[in-house]
Amino acid sequence: MNIDPSRGDELYAEDVFQVLLEYEISRSIRYPSPLSIIFIEFGASGYGNTERGNASTLFAQALNRHLRSVDIPSGSGNRIKILLPTTAANGLRAVCERLLSVFKNELSSPDGSPVAFSLNLGAVSHPGGKSITREFLLENAALALEQSKLKGPHTFALIA
C-alpha cells in the first residue's frame, strides 16, 4: 500500500471530487475494475466550540496518514467522503476496520490535549463494468451511513 504522508490536512473540494468521481466511474466502465466510496460522519470531544475547525484539521491529518496516494478524500466540517479506486468489497471492509481502529484511540491536538473522535462510516462497493452509476454509489453510501448511525458510534455499514 502506497501511503501519501505529504497530503497533510488537505481534502479535495467538492467540485474536484465530483469530477474525479465521474472520471473513475468512466474508467471502471471501460476497464471493469471495482470502485468504492466511504461516507464518514464524525464527532469530536476534547475541543471547545471555538476549536471545531481544529478538530476537522486533526481528523484530516490522521485520515490522510492512513489512505493510499490514489484515494480521494473530500469534505468539510465533520462530513468526509473518500473515493477508493480499484477497491473491491474485501478491501473496503479492511479500510473501514482500519479507520475505526485508528480513531478508537484519542489523538493529541497541537497543544497536546487529547481529542476523542466518534465515527460512523457508510461504505459501498461496485465490481465495475457497465452497470456502475454515480447514483448507485452516492445513494448507497448515504444509505449505509444511515445504517451505521442506527447501529451507534464507531461502526460501519457496507453495501456491496
N, C-alpha and C. Protein backbone atom coordinates (compact mmCIF):
# COMPACT_ATOMS: atom_id res chain seq x y z
N MET A 1 0.85 -1.17 0.00
CA MET A 1 0.00 0.00 0.00
C MET A 1 0.89 1.23 0.00
N ASN A 2 0.63 2.17 -0.90
CA ASN A 2 1.42 3.39 -1.01
C ASN A 2 0.72 4.52 -0.27
N ILE A 3 1.12 4.76 0.98
CA ILE A 3 0.55 5.82 1.80
C ILE A 3 1.23 7.13 1.43
N ASP A 4 0.44 8.21 1.36
CA ASP A 4 0.98 9.52 0.98
C ASP A 4 0.99 10.45 2.19
N PRO A 5 2.11 10.52 2.93
CA PRO A 5 2.17 11.36 4.12
C PRO A 5 2.25 12.85 3.78
N SER A 6 2.51 13.20 2.54
CA SER A 6 2.68 14.60 2.18
C SER A 6 1.37 15.34 2.03
N ARG A 7 0.24 14.63 2.06
CA ARG A 7 -1.05 15.27 1.85
C ARG A 7 -1.46 16.13 3.03
N GLY A 8 -0.91 15.88 4.21
CA GLY A 8 -1.22 16.70 5.39
C GLY A 8 -2.68 16.70 5.73
N ASP A 9 -3.26 17.89 5.85
CA ASP A 9 -4.68 18.00 6.20
C ASP A 9 -5.53 18.38 4.99
N GLU A 10 -4.98 18.22 3.80
CA GLU A 10 -5.70 18.62 2.59
C GLU A 10 -6.77 17.61 2.21
N LEU A 11 -7.93 18.16 1.86
CA LEU A 11 -9.02 17.37 1.31
C LEU A 11 -9.43 18.03 0.00
N TYR A 12 -9.87 17.24 -0.96
CA TYR A 12 -10.32 17.80 -2.22
C TYR A 12 -11.62 18.58 -2.03
N ALA A 13 -11.77 19.65 -2.79
CA ALA A 13 -13.02 20.41 -2.80
C ALA A 13 -14.11 19.56 -3.44
N GLU A 14 -15.35 19.84 -3.12
CA GLU A 14 -16.49 19.05 -3.62
C GLU A 14 -16.53 19.01 -5.14
N ASP A 15 -16.31 20.13 -5.81
CA ASP A 15 -16.37 20.14 -7.27
C ASP A 15 -15.27 19.28 -7.89
N VAL A 16 -14.09 19.29 -7.29
CA VAL A 16 -13.00 18.44 -7.77
C VAL A 16 -13.34 16.97 -7.52
N PHE A 17 -13.90 16.67 -6.35
CA PHE A 17 -14.30 15.30 -6.04
C PHE A 17 -15.29 14.79 -7.09
N GLN A 18 -16.26 15.61 -7.46
CA GLN A 18 -17.28 15.18 -8.44
C GLN A 18 -16.66 14.90 -9.81
N VAL A 19 -15.70 15.72 -10.22
CA VAL A 19 -15.01 15.49 -11.49
C VAL A 19 -14.22 14.18 -11.44
N LEU A 20 -13.50 13.96 -10.35
CA LEU A 20 -12.73 12.74 -10.20
C LEU A 20 -13.62 11.51 -10.09
N LEU A 21 -14.78 11.66 -9.44
CA LEU A 21 -15.74 10.56 -9.37
C LEU A 21 -16.21 10.17 -10.76
N GLU A 22 -16.57 11.14 -11.58
CA GLU A 22 -17.02 10.85 -12.95
C GLU A 22 -15.91 10.17 -13.76
N TYR A 23 -14.68 10.64 -13.58
CA TYR A 23 -13.55 10.03 -14.28
C TYR A 23 -13.36 8.57 -13.85
N GLU A 24 -13.39 8.32 -12.55
CA GLU A 24 -13.17 6.95 -12.05
C GLU A 24 -14.32 6.03 -12.46
N ILE A 25 -15.54 6.54 -12.51
CA ILE A 25 -16.67 5.73 -12.97
C ILE A 25 -16.48 5.36 -14.44
N SER A 26 -16.13 6.34 -15.26
CA SER A 26 -15.94 6.04 -16.69
C SER A 26 -14.79 5.05 -16.89
N ARG A 27 -13.75 5.16 -16.09
CA ARG A 27 -12.63 4.22 -16.16
C ARG A 27 -13.07 2.82 -15.72
N SER A 28 -13.91 2.76 -14.68
CA SER A 28 -14.41 1.48 -14.17
C SER A 28 -15.35 0.81 -15.17
N ILE A 29 -16.03 1.61 -15.98
CA ILE A 29 -16.89 1.05 -17.03
C ILE A 29 -16.03 0.52 -18.18
N ARG A 30 -15.07 1.32 -18.61
CA ARG A 30 -14.24 0.96 -19.75
C ARG A 30 -13.34 -0.24 -19.46
N TYR A 31 -12.69 -0.22 -18.31
CA TYR A 31 -11.79 -1.29 -17.90
C TYR A 31 -12.34 -1.86 -16.60
N PRO A 32 -13.31 -2.76 -16.67
CA PRO A 32 -14.02 -3.19 -15.46
C PRO A 32 -13.10 -3.45 -14.26
N SER A 33 -13.22 -2.56 -13.31
CA SER A 33 -12.46 -2.68 -12.07
C SER A 33 -13.33 -2.13 -10.95
N PRO A 34 -13.15 -2.65 -9.76
CA PRO A 34 -14.03 -2.23 -8.66
C PRO A 34 -13.80 -0.76 -8.26
N LEU A 35 -14.84 -0.18 -7.69
CA LEU A 35 -14.79 1.20 -7.22
C LEU A 35 -15.60 1.27 -5.94
N SER A 36 -15.08 1.96 -4.95
CA SER A 36 -15.75 2.04 -3.65
C SER A 36 -15.77 3.48 -3.15
N ILE A 37 -16.73 3.75 -2.29
CA ILE A 37 -16.85 5.06 -1.63
C ILE A 37 -17.17 4.84 -0.16
N ILE A 38 -16.59 5.68 0.68
CA ILE A 38 -16.92 5.72 2.11
C ILE A 38 -17.43 7.11 2.44
N PHE A 39 -18.56 7.18 3.12
CA PHE A 39 -19.04 8.43 3.71
C PHE A 39 -18.75 8.34 5.21
N ILE A 40 -18.15 9.38 5.75
CA ILE A 40 -17.81 9.41 7.17
C ILE A 40 -18.48 10.61 7.81
N GLU A 41 -19.05 10.38 8.98
CA GLU A 41 -19.53 11.46 9.82
C GLU A 41 -18.86 11.27 11.18
N PHE A 42 -18.25 12.32 11.72
CA PHE A 42 -17.54 12.16 12.98
C PHE A 42 -17.91 13.27 13.95
N GLY A 43 -17.74 12.93 15.21
CA GLY A 43 -17.86 13.89 16.30
C GLY A 43 -16.54 13.92 17.03
N ALA A 44 -16.26 15.04 17.69
CA ALA A 44 -15.00 15.17 18.43
C ALA A 44 -15.30 15.70 19.82
N SER A 45 -14.64 15.14 20.81
CA SER A 45 -14.73 15.68 22.16
C SER A 45 -13.32 15.98 22.63
N GLY A 46 -13.19 17.05 23.38
CA GLY A 46 -11.88 17.49 23.83
C GLY A 46 -11.57 18.87 23.31
N TYR A 47 -12.30 19.30 22.29
CA TYR A 47 -12.19 20.65 21.76
C TYR A 47 -13.45 21.42 22.13
N GLY A 48 -13.31 22.69 22.42
CA GLY A 48 -14.47 23.54 22.66
C GLY A 48 -15.12 23.94 21.35
N ASN A 49 -16.25 24.61 21.43
CA ASN A 49 -16.99 25.03 20.23
C ASN A 49 -16.15 25.92 19.33
N THR A 50 -15.29 26.76 19.90
CA THR A 50 -14.49 27.67 19.08
C THR A 50 -13.37 26.96 18.35
N GLU A 51 -13.11 25.70 18.69
CA GLU A 51 -11.99 24.98 18.10
C GLU A 51 -12.43 23.83 17.19
N ARG A 52 -13.68 23.83 16.74
CA ARG A 52 -14.18 22.74 15.89
C ARG A 52 -13.37 22.60 14.60
N GLY A 53 -12.93 23.72 14.02
CA GLY A 53 -12.10 23.67 12.82
C GLY A 53 -10.80 22.94 13.09
N ASN A 54 -10.25 23.11 14.28
CA ASN A 54 -9.02 22.40 14.64
C ASN A 54 -9.25 20.90 14.70
N ALA A 55 -10.42 20.49 15.18
CA ALA A 55 -10.73 19.05 15.22
C ALA A 55 -10.82 18.50 13.80
N SER A 56 -11.42 19.26 12.89
CA SER A 56 -11.50 18.81 11.49
C SER A 56 -10.13 18.68 10.87
N THR A 57 -9.24 19.61 11.18
CA THR A 57 -7.87 19.56 10.67
C THR A 57 -7.14 18.35 11.23
N LEU A 58 -7.27 18.12 12.53
CA LEU A 58 -6.63 16.97 13.16
C LEU A 58 -7.16 15.67 12.56
N PHE A 59 -8.47 15.61 12.33
CA PHE A 59 -9.08 14.42 11.73
C PHE A 59 -8.53 14.20 10.32
N ALA A 60 -8.48 15.26 9.52
CA ALA A 60 -8.00 15.13 8.13
C ALA A 60 -6.54 14.69 8.09
N GLN A 61 -5.72 15.20 9.00
CA GLN A 61 -4.32 14.79 9.05
C GLN A 61 -4.20 13.30 9.36
N ALA A 62 -4.93 12.83 10.36
CA ALA A 62 -4.88 11.42 10.73
C ALA A 62 -5.43 10.55 9.60
N LEU A 63 -6.50 10.99 8.98
CA LEU A 63 -7.10 10.26 7.87
C LEU A 63 -6.11 10.11 6.73
N ASN A 64 -5.50 11.21 6.32
CA ASN A 64 -4.57 11.18 5.19
C ASN A 64 -3.35 10.31 5.46
N ARG A 65 -2.96 10.16 6.72
CA ARG A 65 -1.83 9.28 7.04
C ARG A 65 -2.17 7.81 6.80
N HIS A 66 -3.47 7.49 6.70
CA HIS A 66 -3.88 6.09 6.58
C HIS A 66 -4.59 5.78 5.27
N LEU A 67 -4.46 6.67 4.29
CA LEU A 67 -5.03 6.43 2.97
C LEU A 67 -3.92 6.24 1.95
N ARG A 68 -4.24 5.55 0.87
CA ARG A 68 -3.30 5.39 -0.23
C ARG A 68 -3.21 6.71 -1.00
N SER A 69 -2.15 6.88 -1.75
CA SER A 69 -1.99 8.11 -2.53
C SER A 69 -3.05 8.22 -3.63
N VAL A 70 -3.64 7.11 -4.07
CA VAL A 70 -4.67 7.15 -5.12
C VAL A 70 -6.07 7.41 -4.57
N ASP A 71 -6.26 7.32 -3.26
CA ASP A 71 -7.57 7.56 -2.67
C ASP A 71 -7.88 9.05 -2.70
N ILE A 72 -9.16 9.38 -2.80
CA ILE A 72 -9.58 10.76 -3.00
C ILE A 72 -10.51 11.19 -1.88
N PRO A 73 -9.97 11.85 -0.84
CA PRO A 73 -10.81 12.33 0.26
C PRO A 73 -11.33 13.73 -0.02
N SER A 74 -12.57 13.97 0.35
CA SER A 74 -13.20 15.27 0.15
C SER A 74 -14.13 15.53 1.31
N GLY A 75 -14.42 16.79 1.57
CA GLY A 75 -15.39 17.12 2.59
C GLY A 75 -15.01 18.36 3.36
N SER A 76 -15.87 18.66 4.30
CA SER A 76 -15.61 19.79 5.19
C SER A 76 -16.36 19.54 6.48
N GLY A 77 -15.92 20.22 7.52
CA GLY A 77 -16.56 20.03 8.82
C GLY A 77 -16.42 18.60 9.27
N ASN A 78 -17.54 18.02 9.70
CA ASN A 78 -17.49 16.66 10.23
C ASN A 78 -18.00 15.60 9.24
N ARG A 79 -18.06 15.96 7.96
CA ARG A 79 -18.51 15.01 6.93
C ARG A 79 -17.45 14.88 5.85
N ILE A 80 -17.04 13.66 5.63
CA ILE A 80 -15.96 13.35 4.68
C ILE A 80 -16.43 12.24 3.74
N LYS A 81 -16.01 12.33 2.49
CA LYS A 81 -16.22 11.26 1.50
C LYS A 81 -14.85 10.82 1.03
N ILE A 82 -14.72 9.53 0.80
CA ILE A 82 -13.47 9.01 0.25
C ILE A 82 -13.79 8.10 -0.93
N LEU A 83 -13.24 8.42 -2.07
CA LEU A 83 -13.36 7.59 -3.26
C LEU A 83 -12.13 6.69 -3.29
N LEU A 84 -12.37 5.37 -3.42
CA LEU A 84 -11.29 4.39 -3.39
C LEU A 84 -11.26 3.62 -4.72
N PRO A 85 -10.47 4.11 -5.68
CA PRO A 85 -10.37 3.40 -6.97
C PRO A 85 -9.78 2.01 -6.79
N THR A 86 -10.18 1.11 -7.65
CA THR A 86 -9.72 -0.29 -7.68
C THR A 86 -9.78 -0.96 -6.32
N THR A 87 -10.83 -0.68 -5.57
CA THR A 87 -11.01 -1.29 -4.25
C THR A 87 -12.32 -2.07 -4.25
N ALA A 88 -12.20 -3.37 -4.07
CA ALA A 88 -13.37 -4.25 -4.01
C ALA A 88 -13.90 -4.32 -2.59
N ALA A 89 -14.98 -5.05 -2.39
CA ALA A 89 -15.66 -5.12 -1.09
C ALA A 89 -14.74 -5.57 0.04
N ASN A 90 -13.88 -6.58 -0.20
CA ASN A 90 -12.98 -7.05 0.85
C ASN A 90 -11.99 -5.97 1.27
N GLY A 91 -11.43 -5.27 0.29
CA GLY A 91 -10.51 -4.18 0.59
C GLY A 91 -11.22 -3.03 1.29
N LEU A 92 -12.45 -2.76 0.88
CA LEU A 92 -13.24 -1.70 1.51
C LEU A 92 -13.51 -2.02 2.97
N ARG A 93 -13.86 -3.26 3.23
CA ARG A 93 -14.08 -3.69 4.62
C ARG A 93 -12.82 -3.48 5.46
N ALA A 94 -11.67 -3.82 4.90
CA ALA A 94 -10.39 -3.66 5.60
C ALA A 94 -10.11 -2.18 5.88
N VAL A 95 -10.41 -1.31 4.92
CA VAL A 95 -10.20 0.13 5.12
C VAL A 95 -11.11 0.63 6.24
N CYS A 96 -12.37 0.23 6.23
CA CYS A 96 -13.30 0.66 7.28
C CYS A 96 -12.82 0.21 8.66
N GLU A 97 -12.41 -1.04 8.74
CA GLU A 97 -11.91 -1.56 10.03
C GLU A 97 -10.66 -0.83 10.47
N ARG A 98 -9.77 -0.52 9.52
CA ARG A 98 -8.55 0.21 9.86
C ARG A 98 -8.87 1.61 10.36
N LEU A 99 -9.79 2.31 9.69
CA LEU A 99 -10.14 3.66 10.13
C LEU A 99 -10.78 3.66 11.51
N LEU A 100 -11.66 2.70 11.78
CA LEU A 100 -12.25 2.61 13.12
C LEU A 100 -11.17 2.34 14.16
N SER A 101 -10.20 1.51 13.80
CA SER A 101 -9.11 1.21 14.72
C SER A 101 -8.25 2.45 15.00
N VAL A 102 -7.94 3.20 13.96
CA VAL A 102 -7.12 4.41 14.11
C VAL A 102 -7.80 5.43 15.03
N PHE A 103 -9.10 5.60 14.85
CA PHE A 103 -9.80 6.65 15.57
C PHE A 103 -10.44 6.18 16.88
N LYS A 104 -10.23 4.92 17.25
CA LYS A 104 -10.80 4.47 18.53
C LYS A 104 -10.00 5.03 19.70
N ASN A 105 -8.72 5.34 19.46
CA ASN A 105 -7.87 5.92 20.50
C ASN A 105 -7.87 7.44 20.38
N GLU A 106 -7.64 8.10 21.49
CA GLU A 106 -7.55 9.55 21.47
C GLU A 106 -6.32 9.98 20.68
N LEU A 107 -6.45 11.11 19.99
CA LEU A 107 -5.32 11.72 19.30
C LEU A 107 -4.90 12.94 20.09
N SER A 108 -3.71 13.42 19.86
CA SER A 108 -3.22 14.61 20.55
C SER A 108 -3.36 15.82 19.64
N SER A 109 -3.95 16.88 20.18
CA SER A 109 -4.07 18.13 19.44
C SER A 109 -2.70 18.79 19.42
N PRO A 110 -2.52 19.84 18.62
CA PRO A 110 -1.21 20.52 18.57
C PRO A 110 -0.74 21.03 19.93
N ASP A 111 -1.67 21.36 20.82
CA ASP A 111 -1.26 21.83 22.15
C ASP A 111 -1.09 20.68 23.14
N GLY A 112 -1.25 19.44 22.66
CA GLY A 112 -1.03 18.27 23.50
C GLY A 112 -2.27 17.75 24.21
N SER A 113 -3.40 18.44 24.10
CA SER A 113 -4.61 17.96 24.76
C SER A 113 -5.22 16.81 23.97
N PRO A 114 -5.82 15.85 24.68
CA PRO A 114 -6.39 14.68 24.00
C PRO A 114 -7.71 15.02 23.30
N VAL A 115 -7.91 14.41 22.15
CA VAL A 115 -9.15 14.57 21.38
C VAL A 115 -9.66 13.18 21.04
N ALA A 116 -10.90 12.92 21.39
CA ALA A 116 -11.53 11.64 21.08
C ALA A 116 -12.52 11.84 19.93
N PHE A 117 -12.49 10.95 18.97
CA PHE A 117 -13.41 11.02 17.84
C PHE A 117 -14.38 9.85 17.90
N SER A 118 -15.61 10.11 17.52
CA SER A 118 -16.58 9.03 17.32
C SER A 118 -16.96 9.06 15.84
N LEU A 119 -16.96 7.88 15.22
CA LEU A 119 -17.18 7.79 13.78
C LEU A 119 -18.36 6.92 13.43
N ASN A 120 -18.98 7.29 12.33
CA ASN A 120 -19.91 6.41 11.62
C ASN A 120 -19.46 6.40 10.18
N LEU A 121 -19.38 5.19 9.60
CA LEU A 121 -18.95 5.04 8.23
C LEU A 121 -20.01 4.30 7.43
N GLY A 122 -20.33 4.84 6.26
CA GLY A 122 -21.20 4.18 5.31
C GLY A 122 -20.38 3.88 4.07
N ALA A 123 -20.33 2.64 3.65
CA ALA A 123 -19.44 2.25 2.56
C ALA A 123 -20.21 1.46 1.50
N VAL A 124 -19.82 1.68 0.26
CA VAL A 124 -20.42 0.95 -0.86
C VAL A 124 -19.32 0.57 -1.84
N SER A 125 -19.46 -0.61 -2.42
CA SER A 125 -18.51 -1.08 -3.41
C SER A 125 -19.26 -1.64 -4.61
N HIS A 126 -18.70 -1.44 -5.79
CA HIS A 126 -19.27 -1.99 -7.02
C HIS A 126 -18.13 -2.65 -7.79
N PRO A 127 -18.38 -3.82 -8.40
CA PRO A 127 -17.30 -4.53 -9.10
C PRO A 127 -16.86 -3.87 -10.40
N GLY A 128 -17.59 -2.87 -10.87
CA GLY A 128 -17.23 -2.21 -12.13
C GLY A 128 -17.99 -2.79 -13.30
N GLY A 129 -17.78 -2.22 -14.45
CA GLY A 129 -18.50 -2.66 -15.64
C GLY A 129 -19.63 -1.69 -15.96
N LYS A 130 -20.42 -2.07 -16.94
CA LYS A 130 -21.44 -1.17 -17.48
C LYS A 130 -22.56 -0.81 -16.51
N SER A 131 -22.76 -1.59 -15.45
CA SER A 131 -23.88 -1.33 -14.54
C SER A 131 -23.55 -0.31 -13.45
N ILE A 132 -22.31 0.13 -13.35
CA ILE A 132 -21.95 1.09 -12.30
C ILE A 132 -22.47 2.49 -12.67
N THR A 133 -23.06 3.15 -11.69
CA THR A 133 -23.54 4.52 -11.90
C THR A 133 -23.16 5.39 -10.70
N ARG A 134 -23.11 6.66 -10.96
CA ARG A 134 -22.84 7.65 -9.92
C ARG A 134 -23.92 7.57 -8.85
N GLU A 135 -25.17 7.47 -9.28
CA GLU A 135 -26.30 7.43 -8.36
C GLU A 135 -26.22 6.22 -7.45
N PHE A 136 -25.88 5.06 -8.02
CA PHE A 136 -25.75 3.85 -7.21
C PHE A 136 -24.76 4.08 -6.09
N LEU A 137 -23.58 4.59 -6.43
CA LEU A 137 -22.53 4.78 -5.43
C LEU A 137 -22.94 5.79 -4.35
N LEU A 138 -23.40 6.96 -4.76
CA LEU A 138 -23.70 8.02 -3.80
C LEU A 138 -24.92 7.69 -2.94
N GLU A 139 -25.98 7.18 -3.55
CA GLU A 139 -27.20 6.87 -2.79
C GLU A 139 -26.96 5.74 -1.81
N ASN A 140 -26.23 4.72 -2.23
CA ASN A 140 -25.99 3.59 -1.33
C ASN A 140 -24.98 3.92 -0.23
N ALA A 141 -24.03 4.80 -0.51
CA ALA A 141 -23.11 5.24 0.55
C ALA A 141 -23.88 6.02 1.61
N ALA A 142 -24.81 6.87 1.17
CA ALA A 142 -25.64 7.63 2.12
C ALA A 142 -26.54 6.69 2.93
N LEU A 143 -27.11 5.69 2.28
CA LEU A 143 -27.95 4.70 2.96
C LEU A 143 -27.13 3.92 3.98
N ALA A 144 -25.94 3.50 3.60
CA ALA A 144 -25.07 2.75 4.51
C ALA A 144 -24.67 3.62 5.71
N LEU A 145 -24.43 4.90 5.49
CA LEU A 145 -24.10 5.80 6.60
C LEU A 145 -25.27 5.88 7.58
N GLU A 146 -26.47 5.96 7.07
CA GLU A 146 -27.65 5.99 7.96
C GLU A 146 -27.76 4.69 8.75
N GLN A 147 -27.46 3.56 8.10
CA GLN A 147 -27.48 2.27 8.80
C GLN A 147 -26.44 2.23 9.91
N SER A 148 -25.26 2.78 9.64
CA SER A 148 -24.21 2.84 10.65
C SER A 148 -24.64 3.71 11.83
N LYS A 149 -25.29 4.82 11.56
CA LYS A 149 -25.73 5.71 12.64
C LYS A 149 -26.78 5.03 13.52
N LEU A 150 -27.59 4.18 12.92
CA LEU A 150 -28.58 3.42 13.71
C LEU A 150 -27.89 2.40 14.63
N LYS A 151 -26.75 1.89 14.19
CA LYS A 151 -26.00 0.92 15.00
C LYS A 151 -25.25 1.59 16.14
N GLY A 152 -24.96 2.87 16.03
CA GLY A 152 -24.24 3.59 17.07
C GLY A 152 -22.87 4.04 16.63
N PRO A 153 -22.14 4.75 17.50
CA PRO A 153 -20.82 5.26 17.13
C PRO A 153 -19.79 4.14 16.98
N HIS A 154 -18.76 4.44 16.22
CA HIS A 154 -17.64 3.52 15.96
C HIS A 154 -18.11 2.27 15.22
N THR A 155 -19.00 2.48 14.25
CA THR A 155 -19.49 1.36 13.45
C THR A 155 -19.42 1.71 11.96
N PHE A 156 -19.53 0.68 11.15
CA PHE A 156 -19.68 0.92 9.71
C PHE A 156 -20.71 -0.04 9.16
N ALA A 157 -21.31 0.38 8.06
CA ALA A 157 -22.22 -0.47 7.30
C ALA A 157 -21.70 -0.49 5.87
N LEU A 158 -21.75 -1.66 5.26
CA LEU A 158 -21.20 -1.83 3.92
C LEU A 158 -22.26 -2.42 3.00
N ILE A 159 -22.40 -1.81 1.83
CA ILE A 159 -23.29 -2.34 0.80
C ILE A 159 -22.41 -2.70 -0.39
N ALA A 160 -22.49 -3.96 -0.80
CA ALA A 160 -21.65 -4.40 -1.93
C ALA A 160 -22.52 -5.09 -2.96
